[in-house]
Amino acid sequence: MSHDGTEQVVREHFEISIRFRKIIEQRIVRLEVDAARDELDASHLENIDHIRRQMRLVAAQLEEANRMKRFLENSRPRKPAPRD
């Protein structure tokens, strides 16, 4: 806690390569596209149990995409190694 009684959130920043960042960004896009497609597919289902499972899948995909976004928010590009 800080001196005024409020909690401060300390975020650890990760250094990642540009290549790895692009891979994560592509995965986020795929998860979001898949979630949108799966949600649309759910609208064509009739069985409530199938709909429920489909929507749980959508929720899991979106949560994973959001988790990856939070990871990227706490990352920064790795500095290239110095060359001799």
Protein backbone atom coordinates (compact mmCIF):
# COMPACT_ATOMS: atom_id res chain seq x y z
CA MET A 1 0.00 0.00 0.00
CA SER A 2 1.08 3.55 -0.59
CA HIS A 3 1.20 6.21 2.11
CA ASP A 4 -2.37 7.35 1.29
CA GLY A 5 -3.82 3.88 1.95
CA THR A 6 -4.47 2.93 -1.68
CA GLU A 7 -2.99 -0.17 -3.20
CA GLN A 8 -0.53 0.27 -6.00
CA VAL A 9 -0.43 -2.29 -8.77
CA VAL A 10 3.11 -3.20 -9.70
CA ARG A 11 3.32 -4.68 -13.15
CA GLU A 12 6.24 -6.67 -14.30
CA HIS A 13 7.30 -5.88 -17.83
CA PHE A 14 8.52 -8.71 -20.02
CA GLU A 15 10.96 -8.29 -22.84
CA ILE A 16 9.90 -10.23 -25.91
CA SER A 17 11.15 -10.39 -29.46
CA ILE A 18 9.28 -8.62 -32.23
CA ARG A 19 8.75 -11.99 -33.92
CA PHE A 20 7.16 -13.47 -30.79
CA ARG A 21 4.95 -10.38 -30.40
CA LYS A 22 3.68 -10.80 -33.97
CA ILE A 23 2.91 -14.47 -33.33
CA ILE A 24 0.88 -13.53 -30.23
CA GLU A 25 -0.95 -10.77 -32.14
CA GLN A 26 -1.84 -13.23 -34.90
CA ARG A 27 -3.12 -15.71 -32.32
CA ILE A 28 -5.31 -13.01 -30.76
CA VAL A 29 -6.86 -12.24 -34.14
CA ARG A 30 -7.48 -15.94 -34.82
CA LEU A 31 -9.14 -16.41 -31.42
CA GLU A 32 -11.40 -13.40 -31.94
CA VAL A 33 -12.36 -14.48 -35.47
CA ASP A 34 -13.02 -18.03 -34.30
CA ALA A 35 -15.13 -16.74 -31.40
CA ALA A 36 -17.24 -14.62 -33.75
CA ARG A 37 -17.72 -17.57 -36.11
CA ASP A 38 -18.59 -19.93 -33.25
CA GLU A 39 -21.08 -17.44 -31.83
CA LEU A 40 -22.75 -17.20 -35.23
CA ASP A 41 -22.83 -20.99 -35.44
CA ALA A 42 -24.58 -21.10 -32.05
CA SER A 43 -27.45 -19.09 -33.49
CA HIS A 44 -28.18 -22.02 -35.81
CA LEU A 45 -28.29 -24.64 -33.06
CA GLU A 46 -31.55 -25.81 -31.56
CA ASN A 47 -30.51 -27.90 -28.59
CA ILE A 48 -30.01 -25.70 -25.50
CA ASP A 49 -27.14 -27.88 -24.26
CA HIS A 50 -25.32 -27.51 -27.58
CA ILE A 51 -25.89 -23.76 -27.51
CA ARG A 52 -24.58 -23.56 -23.94
CA ARG A 53 -21.43 -25.52 -24.84
CA GLN A 54 -20.89 -23.40 -27.93
CA MET A 55 -21.16 -20.20 -25.90
CA ARG A 56 -18.74 -21.57 -23.30
CA LEU A 57 -16.30 -22.14 -26.15
CA VAL A 58 -16.80 -18.54 -27.30
CA ALA A 59 -16.21 -17.25 -23.76
CA ALA A 60 -13.03 -19.32 -23.43
CA GLN A 61 -11.69 -18.05 -26.75
CA LEU A 62 -12.36 -14.43 -25.83
CA GLU A 63 -10.83 -14.85 -22.37
CA GLU A 64 -7.69 -16.35 -23.89
CA ALA A 65 -7.48 -13.45 -26.37
CA ASN A 66 -7.88 -10.96 -23.51
CA ARG A 67 -5.23 -12.77 -21.45
CA MET A 68 -2.81 -12.50 -24.36
CA LYS A 69 -3.65 -8.81 -24.80
CA ARG A 70 -2.85 -8.19 -21.12
CA PHE A 71 0.45 -10.02 -21.59
CA LEU A 72 1.32 -7.78 -24.55
CA GLU A 73 0.35 -4.68 -22.56
CA ASN A 74 2.99 -5.69 -20.02
CA SER A 75 5.68 -6.43 -22.56
CA ARG A 76 8.19 -4.38 -24.43
CA PRO A 77 10.44 -5.18 -27.34
CA ARG A 78 13.71 -6.86 -26.49
CA LYS A 79 16.70 -4.74 -27.32
CA PRO A 80 18.97 -6.36 -29.89
CA ALA A 81 22.22 -7.74 -28.52
CA PRO A 82 25.20 -5.44 -29.12
CA ARG A 83 27.42 -6.46 -32.00
CA ASP A 84 31.16 -6.64 -31.63
